[in-house]
Amino acid sequence: MQIATNGYRIEGADIALQGAGGESIIRVGEGSAADATTTGTIASRLTGASKLAKTDFGTLVLTANNTYTGGTDPRAA
């Protein structure tokens, strides 16, 4: 999943993290340090056993009562 527009918000039904190799990647931005001001919000509940790996330079905000169990790996690009 990629959020490339500042202020983008995802909400509604649960989102199951089912990434290959046990890792679901969520990109915030487009891989450039210029995207450091990009913020995306996921207001849907994240479920599943995969690890959430947040990549790129933007900020990811999670606002739901998430139940995924794989942990979180925040990374820059």
PDB file of N, CA and C in Angstrom:
ATOM      1  N   MET A   1       0.853  -1.158   0.000  1.00  0.00           N
ATOM      2  CA  MET A   1       0.000   0.000   0.000  1.00  0.00           C
ATOM      3  C   MET A   1       0.903   1.226   0.000  1.00  0.00           C
ATOM      4  N   GLN A   2       0.475   2.265  -0.713  1.00  0.00           N
ATOM      5  CA  GLN A   2       1.247   3.510  -0.736  1.00  0.00           C
ATOM      6  C   GLN A   2       0.321   4.700  -0.557  1.00  0.00           C
ATOM      7  N   ILE A   3       0.726   5.619   0.298  1.00  0.00           N
ATOM      8  CA  ILE A   3       0.041   6.896   0.475  1.00  0.00           C
ATOM      9  C   ILE A   3       0.987   7.960  -0.056  1.00  0.00           C
ATOM     10  N   ALA A   4       0.606   8.601  -1.158  1.00  0.00           N
ATOM     11  CA  ALA A   4       1.489   9.577  -1.800  1.00  0.00           C
ATOM     12  C   ALA A   4       0.947  11.000  -1.731  1.00  0.00           C
ATOM     13  N   THR A   5      -0.263  11.170  -1.197  1.00  0.00           N
ATOM     14  CA  THR A   5      -0.888  12.485  -1.114  1.00  0.00           C
ATOM     15  C   THR A   5      -0.974  12.912   0.345  1.00  0.00           C
ATOM     16  N   ASN A   6      -0.429  14.069   0.680  1.00  0.00           N
ATOM     17  CA  ASN A   6      -0.476  14.572   2.043  1.00  0.00           C
ATOM     18  C   ASN A   6      -1.921  14.709   2.505  1.00  0.00           C
ATOM     19  N   GLY A   7      -2.196  14.230   3.713  1.00  0.00           N
ATOM     20  CA  GLY A   7      -3.531  14.329   4.282  1.00  0.00           C
ATOM     21  C   GLY A   7      -4.452  13.184   3.909  1.00  0.00           C
ATOM     22  N   TYR A   8      -3.972  12.227   3.119  1.00  0.00           N
ATOM     23  CA  TYR A   8      -4.807  11.102   2.698  1.00  0.00           C
ATOM     24  C   TYR A   8      -5.208  10.281   3.915  1.00  0.00           C
ATOM     25  N   ARG A   9      -6.471   9.844   3.942  1.00  0.00           N
ATOM     26  CA  ARG A   9      -7.012   9.098   5.083  1.00  0.00           C
ATOM     27  C   ARG A   9      -7.740   7.868   4.570  1.00  0.00           C
ATOM     28  N   ILE A  10      -7.463   6.733   5.180  1.00  0.00           N
ATOM     29  CA  ILE A  10      -8.136   5.482   4.851  1.00  0.00           C
ATOM     30  C   ILE A  10      -8.973   5.098   6.056  1.00  0.00           C
ATOM     31  N   GLU A  11     -10.270   4.847   5.825  1.00  0.00           N
ATOM     32  CA  GLU A  11     -11.134   4.436   6.924  1.00  0.00           C
ATOM     33  C   GLU A  11     -12.236   3.547   6.397  1.00  0.00           C
ATOM     34  N   GLY A  12     -12.821   2.772   7.288  1.00  0.00           N
ATOM     35  CA  GLY A  12     -13.894   1.865   6.894  1.00  0.00           C
ATOM     36  C   GLY A  12     -13.641   0.480   7.464  1.00  0.00           C
ATOM     37  N   ALA A  13     -13.794  -0.526   6.611  1.00  0.00           N
ATOM     38  CA  ALA A  13     -13.657  -1.919   7.032  1.00  0.00           C
ATOM     39  C   ALA A  13     -12.232  -2.224   7.497  1.00  0.00           C
ATOM     40  N   ASP A  14     -12.111  -3.309   8.264  1.00  0.00           N
ATOM     41  CA  ASP A  14     -10.797  -3.770   8.714  1.00  0.00           C
ATOM     42  C   ASP A  14      -9.885  -4.032   7.517  1.00  0.00           C
ATOM     43  N   ILE A  15      -8.584  -3.879   7.723  1.00  0.00           N
ATOM     44  CA  ILE A  15      -7.576  -4.191   6.712  1.00  0.00           C
ATOM     45  C   ILE A  15      -6.705  -5.306   7.280  1.00  0.00           C
ATOM     46  N   ALA A  16      -6.678  -6.451   6.585  1.00  0.00           N
ATOM     47  CA  ALA A  16      -5.871  -7.587   7.030  1.00  0.00           C
ATOM     48  C   ALA A  16      -4.461  -7.461   6.466  1.00  0.00           C
ATOM     49  N   LEU A  17      -3.469  -7.463   7.344  1.00  0.00           N
ATOM     50  CA  LEU A  17      -2.070  -7.441   6.915  1.00  0.00           C
ATOM     51  C   LEU A  17      -1.672  -8.865   6.543  1.00  0.00           C
ATOM     52  N   GLN A  18      -1.372  -9.078   5.264  1.00  0.00           N
ATOM     53  CA  GLN A  18      -1.046 -10.421   4.768  1.00  0.00           C
ATOM     54  C   GLN A  18       0.108 -10.344   3.787  1.00  0.00           C
ATOM     55  N   GLY A  19       1.158  -9.694   4.159  1.00  0.00           N
ATOM     56  CA  GLY A  19       2.275  -9.474   3.249  1.00  0.00           C
ATOM     57  C   GLY A  19       3.104 -10.716   2.992  1.00  0.00           C
ATOM     58  N   ALA A  20       3.789 -10.713   1.864  1.00  0.00           N
ATOM     59  CA  ALA A  20       4.697 -11.802   1.513  1.00  0.00           C
ATOM     60  C   ALA A  20       5.825 -11.878   2.532  1.00  0.00           C
ATOM     61  N   GLY A  21       6.163 -13.065   2.945  1.00  0.00           N
ATOM     62  CA  GLY A  21       7.248 -13.231   3.908  1.00  0.00           C
ATOM     63  C   GLY A  21       6.908 -12.720   5.291  1.00  0.00           C
ATOM     64  N   GLY A  22       5.627 -12.543   5.577  1.00  0.00           N
ATOM     65  CA  GLY A  22       5.215 -12.091   6.897  1.00  0.00           C
ATOM     66  C   GLY A  22       5.368 -10.608   7.141  1.00  0.00           C
ATOM     67  N   GLU A  23       5.506  -9.823   6.057  1.00  0.00           N
ATOM     68  CA  GLU A  23       5.709  -8.378   6.197  1.00  0.00           C
ATOM     69  C   GLU A  23       4.801  -7.627   5.231  1.00  0.00           C
ATOM     70  N   SER A  24       4.015  -6.709   5.747  1.00  0.00           N
ATOM     71  CA  SER A  24       3.170  -5.847   4.924  1.00  0.00           C
ATOM     72  C   SER A  24       3.788  -4.458   4.894  1.00  0.00           C
ATOM     73  N   ILE A  25       4.110  -3.980   3.693  1.00  0.00           N
ATOM     74  CA  ILE A  25       4.786  -2.689   3.551  1.00  0.00           C
ATOM     75  C   ILE A  25       3.772  -1.597   3.248  1.00  0.00           C
ATOM     76  N   ILE A  26       3.850  -0.515   4.011  1.00  0.00           N
ATOM     77  CA  ILE A  26       3.045   0.674   3.751  1.00  0.00           C
ATOM     78  C   ILE A  26       4.015   1.818   3.504  1.00  0.00           C
ATOM     79  N   ARG A  27       3.975   2.352   2.300  1.00  0.00           N
ATOM     80  CA  ARG A  27       4.842   3.477   1.929  1.00  0.00           C
ATOM     81  C   ARG A  27       4.087   4.776   2.172  1.00  0.00           C
ATOM     82  N   VAL A  28       4.774   5.767   2.741  1.00  0.00           N
ATOM     83  CA  VAL A  28       4.200   7.103   2.899  1.00  0.00           C
ATOM     84  C   VAL A  28       5.166   8.067   2.231  1.00  0.00           C
ATOM     85  N   GLY A  29       4.781   8.535   1.053  1.00  0.00           N
ATOM     86  CA  GLY A  29       5.640   9.363   0.226  1.00  0.00           C
ATOM     87  C   GLY A  29       6.025   8.596  -1.020  1.00  0.00           C
ATOM     88  N   GLU A  30       6.993   9.166  -1.750  1.00  0.00           N
ATOM     89  CA  GLU A  30       7.406   8.542  -3.002  1.00  0.00           C
ATOM     90  C   GLU A  30       8.909   8.274  -3.045  1.00  0.00           C
ATOM     91  N   GLY A  31       9.521   8.095  -1.878  1.00  0.00           N
ATOM     92  CA  GLY A  31      10.919   7.708  -1.818  1.00  0.00           C
ATOM     93  C   GLY A  31      11.914   8.843  -1.789  1.00  0.00           C
ATOM     94  N   SER A  32      11.445  10.069  -1.669  1.00  0.00           N
ATOM     95  CA  SER A  32      12.329  11.230  -1.667  1.00  0.00           C
ATOM     96  C   SER A  32      12.251  11.938  -0.321  1.00  0.00           C
ATOM     97  N   ALA A  33      13.363  12.481   0.134  1.00  0.00           N
ATOM     98  CA  ALA A  33      13.364  13.247   1.382  1.00  0.00           C
ATOM     99  C   ALA A  33      12.415  14.436   1.305  1.00  0.00           C
ATOM    100  N   ALA A  34      12.098  14.885   0.095  1.00  0.00           N
ATOM    101  CA  ALA A  34      11.149  15.986  -0.078  1.00  0.00           C
ATOM    102  C   ALA A  34       9.749  15.596   0.387  1.00  0.00           C
ATOM    103  N   ASP A  35       9.493  14.300   0.522  1.00  0.00           N
ATOM    104  CA  ASP A  35       8.181  13.819   0.969  1.00  0.00           C
ATOM    105  C   ASP A  35       8.071  13.743   2.487  1.00  0.00           C
ATOM    106  N   ALA A  36       9.042  14.277   3.209  1.00  0.00           N
ATOM    107  CA  ALA A  36       9.038  14.196   4.670  1.00  0.00           C
ATOM    108  C   ALA A  36       7.838  14.894   5.287  1.00  0.00           C
ATOM    109  N   THR A  37       7.200  15.789   4.561  1.00  0.00           N
ATOM    110  CA  THR A  37       6.027  16.491   5.086  1.00  0.00           C
ATOM    111  C   THR A  37       4.724  15.768   4.752  1.00  0.00           C
ATOM    112  N   THR A  38       4.797  14.646   4.052  1.00  0.00           N
ATOM    113  CA  THR A  38       3.595  13.879   3.710  1.00  0.00           C
ATOM    114  C   THR A  38       3.134  13.086   4.925  1.00  0.00           C
ATOM    115  N   THR A  39       1.852  13.234   5.268  1.00  0.00           N
ATOM    116  CA  THR A  39       1.260  12.477   6.368  1.00  0.00           C
ATOM    117  C   THR A  39       0.047  11.731   5.852  1.00  0.00           C
ATOM    118  N   GLY A  40      -0.031  10.461   6.182  1.00  0.00           N
ATOM    119  CA  GLY A  40      -1.186   9.645   5.833  1.00  0.00           C
ATOM    120  C   GLY A  40      -1.742   9.005   7.086  1.00  0.00           C
ATOM    121  N   THR A  41      -3.060   8.840   7.122  1.00  0.00           N
ATOM    122  CA  THR A  41      -3.725   8.270   8.294  1.00  0.00           C
ATOM    123  C   THR A  41      -4.489   7.018   7.897  1.00  0.00           C
ATOM    124  N   ILE A  42      -4.337   5.980   8.684  1.00  0.00           N
ATOM    125  CA  ILE A  42      -5.170   4.788   8.525  1.00  0.00           C
ATOM    126  C   ILE A  42      -6.048   4.709   9.761  1.00  0.00           C
ATOM    127  N   ALA A  43      -7.357   4.930   9.550  1.00  0.00           N
ATOM    128  CA  ALA A  43      -8.320   4.904  10.639  1.00  0.00           C
ATOM    129  C   ALA A  43      -9.059   3.572  10.697  1.00  0.00           C
ATOM    130  N   SER A  44      -8.806   2.698   9.744  1.00  0.00           N
ATOM    131  CA  SER A  44      -9.357   1.343   9.764  1.00  0.00           C
ATOM    132  C   SER A  44      -8.521   0.486  10.704  1.00  0.00           C
ATOM    133  N   ARG A  45      -9.150  -0.516  11.294  1.00  0.00           N
ATOM    134  CA  ARG A  45      -8.415  -1.423  12.176  1.00  0.00           C
ATOM    135  C   ARG A  45      -7.539  -2.349  11.338  1.00  0.00           C
ATOM    136  N   LEU A  46      -6.263  -2.467  11.702  1.00  0.00           N
ATOM    137  CA  LEU A  46      -5.336  -3.381  11.039  1.00  0.00           C
ATOM    138  C   LEU A  46      -5.326  -4.697  11.809  1.00  0.00           C
ATOM    139  N   THR A  47      -5.514  -5.806  11.090  1.00  0.00           N
ATOM    140  CA  THR A  47      -5.583  -7.125  11.709  1.00  0.00           C
ATOM    141  C   THR A  47      -4.562  -8.052  11.056  1.00  0.00           C
ATOM    142  N   GLY A  48      -4.380  -9.234  11.593  1.00  0.00           N
ATOM    143  CA  GLY A  48      -3.524 -10.242  10.983  1.00  0.00           C
ATOM    144  C   GLY A  48      -2.239 -10.457  11.755  1.00  0.00           C
ATOM    145  N   ALA A  49      -1.398 -11.350  11.206  1.00  0.00           N
ATOM    146  CA  ALA A  49      -0.166 -11.735  11.890  1.00  0.00           C
ATOM    147  C   ALA A  49       1.088 -11.150  11.254  1.00  0.00           C
ATOM    148  N   SER A  50       0.954 -10.441  10.143  1.00  0.00           N
ATOM    149  CA  SER A  50       2.124  -9.860   9.475  1.00  0.00           C
ATOM    150  C   SER A  50       2.690  -8.683  10.258  1.00  0.00           C
ATOM    151  N   LYS A  51       3.971  -8.425  10.014  1.00  0.00           N
ATOM    152  CA  LYS A  51       4.620  -7.223  10.538  1.00  0.00           C
ATOM    153  C   LYS A  51       4.234  -6.053   9.646  1.00  0.00           C
ATOM    154  N   LEU A  52       3.980  -4.890  10.228  1.00  0.00           N
ATOM    155  CA  LEU A  52       3.739  -3.672   9.468  1.00  0.00           C
ATOM    156  C   LEU A  52       5.085  -2.974   9.302  1.00  0.00           C
ATOM    157  N   ALA A  53       5.535  -2.847   8.060  1.00  0.00           N
ATOM    158  CA  ALA A  53       6.782  -2.142   7.767  1.00  0.00           C
ATOM    159  C   ALA A  53       6.430  -0.837   7.073  1.00  0.00           C
ATOM    160  N   LYS A  54       6.636   0.281   7.753  1.00  0.00           N
ATOM    161  CA  LYS A  54       6.352   1.605   7.184  1.00  0.00           C
ATOM    162  C   LYS A  54       7.633   2.109   6.540  1.00  0.00           C
ATOM    163  N   THR A  55       7.574   2.421   5.242  1.00  0.00           N
ATOM    164  CA  THR A  55       8.757   2.890   4.534  1.00  0.00           C
ATOM    165  C   THR A  55       8.535   4.281   3.955  1.00  0.00           C
ATOM    166  N   ASP A  56       9.563   4.837   3.415  1.00  0.00           N
ATOM    167  CA  ASP A  56       9.651   6.177   2.841  1.00  0.00           C
ATOM    168  C   ASP A  56       9.697   7.221   3.949  1.00  0.00           C
ATOM    169  N   PHE A  57       9.731   8.480   3.579  1.00  0.00           N
ATOM    170  CA  PHE A  57      10.063   9.549   4.522  1.00  0.00           C
ATOM    171  C   PHE A  57       8.862  10.201   5.206  1.00  0.00           C
ATOM    172  N   GLY A  58       7.642   9.909   4.762  1.00  0.00           N
ATOM    173  CA  GLY A  58       6.455  10.522   5.340  1.00  0.00           C
ATOM    174  C   GLY A  58       6.088   9.918   6.688  1.00  0.00           C
ATOM    175  N   THR A  59       5.017  10.451   7.262  1.00  0.00           N
ATOM    176  CA  THR A  59       4.530  10.031   8.575  1.00  0.00           C
ATOM    177  C   THR A  59       3.249   9.229   8.418  1.00  0.00           C
ATOM    178  N   LEU A  60       3.177   8.088   9.087  1.00  0.00           N
ATOM    179  CA  LEU A  60       1.974   7.262   9.101  1.00  0.00           C
ATOM    180  C   LEU A  60       1.337   7.375  10.471  1.00  0.00           C
ATOM    181  N   VAL A  61       0.045   7.719  10.495  1.00  0.00           N
ATOM    182  CA  VAL A  61      -0.708   7.831  11.739  1.00  0.00           C
ATOM    183  C   VAL A  61      -1.739   6.709  11.760  1.00  0.00           C
ATOM    184  N   LEU A  62      -1.722   5.902  12.814  1.00  0.00           N
ATOM    185  CA  LEU A  62      -2.698   4.824  12.994  1.00  0.00           C
ATOM    186  C   LEU A  62      -3.620   5.226  14.133  1.00  0.00           C
ATOM    187  N   THR A  63      -4.930   5.299  13.867  1.00  0.00           N
ATOM    188  CA  THR A  63      -5.846   5.799  14.893  1.00  0.00           C
ATOM    189  C   THR A  63      -6.835   4.760  15.408  1.00  0.00           C
ATOM    190  N   ALA A  64      -6.865   3.575  14.820  1.00  0.00           N
ATOM    191  CA  ALA A  64      -7.832   2.557  15.242  1.00  0.00           C
ATOM    192  C   ALA A  64      -7.243   1.684  16.352  1.00  0.00           C
ATOM    193  N   ASN A  65      -8.093   0.856  16.923  1.00  0.00           N
ATOM    194  CA  ASN A  65      -7.668  -0.125  17.916  1.00  0.00           C
ATOM    195  C   ASN A  65      -7.169  -1.356  17.153  1.00  0.00           C
ATOM    196  N   ASN A  66      -5.923  -1.305  16.700  1.00  0.00           N
ATOM    197  CA  ASN A  66      -5.370  -2.346  15.836  1.00  0.00           C
ATOM    198  C   ASN A  66      -5.101  -3.630  16.606  1.00  0.00           C
ATOM    199  N   THR A  67      -5.230  -4.768  15.886  1.00  0.00           N
ATOM    200  CA  THR A  67      -5.021  -6.067  16.525  1.00  0.00           C
ATOM    201  C   THR A  67      -3.961  -6.910  15.820  1.00  0.00           C
ATOM    202  N   TYR A  68      -3.240  -6.346  14.854  1.00  0.00           N
ATOM    203  CA  TYR A  68      -2.203  -7.142  14.180  1.00  0.00           C
ATOM    204  C   TYR A  68      -1.124  -7.499  15.193  1.00  0.00           C
ATOM    205  N   THR A  69      -0.497  -8.652  14.984  1.00  0.00           N
ATOM    206  CA  THR A  69       0.408  -9.181  16.004  1.00  0.00           C
ATOM    207  C   THR A  69       1.860  -9.306  15.557  1.00  0.00           C
ATOM    208  N   GLY A  70       2.189  -8.895  14.348  1.00  0.00           N
ATOM    209  CA  GLY A  70       3.540  -9.073  13.824  1.00  0.00           C
ATOM    210  C   GLY A  70       4.533  -7.998  14.207  1.00  0.00           C
ATOM    211  N   GLY A  71       4.092  -6.975  14.897  1.00  0.00           N
ATOM    212  CA  GLY A  71       4.990  -5.890  15.267  1.00  0.00           C
ATOM    213  C   GLY A  71       5.039  -4.797  14.215  1.00  0.00           C
ATOM    214  N   THR A  72       5.780  -3.745  14.520  1.00  0.00           N
ATOM    215  CA  THR A  72       5.876  -2.581  13.643  1.00  0.00           C
ATOM    216  C   THR A  72       7.347  -2.260  13.409  1.00  0.00           C
ATOM    217  N   ASP A  73       7.681  -1.998  12.142  1.00  0.00           N
ATOM    218  CA  ASP A  73       9.055  -1.668  11.767  1.00  0.00           C
ATOM    219  C   ASP A  73       9.049  -0.345  11.008  1.00  0.00           C
ATOM    220  N   PRO A  74       9.241   0.788  11.712  1.00  0.00           N
ATOM    221  CA  PRO A  74       9.286   2.078  11.016  1.00  0.00           C
ATOM    222  C   PRO A  74      10.664   2.286  10.392  1.00  0.00           C
ATOM    223  N   ARG A  75      10.691   2.562   9.102  1.00  0.00           N
ATOM    224  CA  ARG A  75      11.955   2.767   8.386  1.00  0.00           C
ATOM    225  C   ARG A  75      11.851   4.019   7.533  1.00  0.00           C
ATOM    226  N   ALA A  76      12.972   4.649   7.296  1.00  0.00           N
ATOM    227  CA  ALA A  76      13.016   5.664   6.237  1.00  0.00           C
ATOM    228  C   ALA A  76      13.132   4.896   4.931  1.00  0.00           C
ATOM    229  N   ALA A  77      13.212   5.610   3.818  1.00  0.00           N
ATOM    230  CA  ALA A  77      13.252   4.995   2.489  1.00  0.00           C
ATOM    231  C   ALA A  77      13.964   3.682   2.529  1.00  0.00           C
TER     232      ALA A  77
END
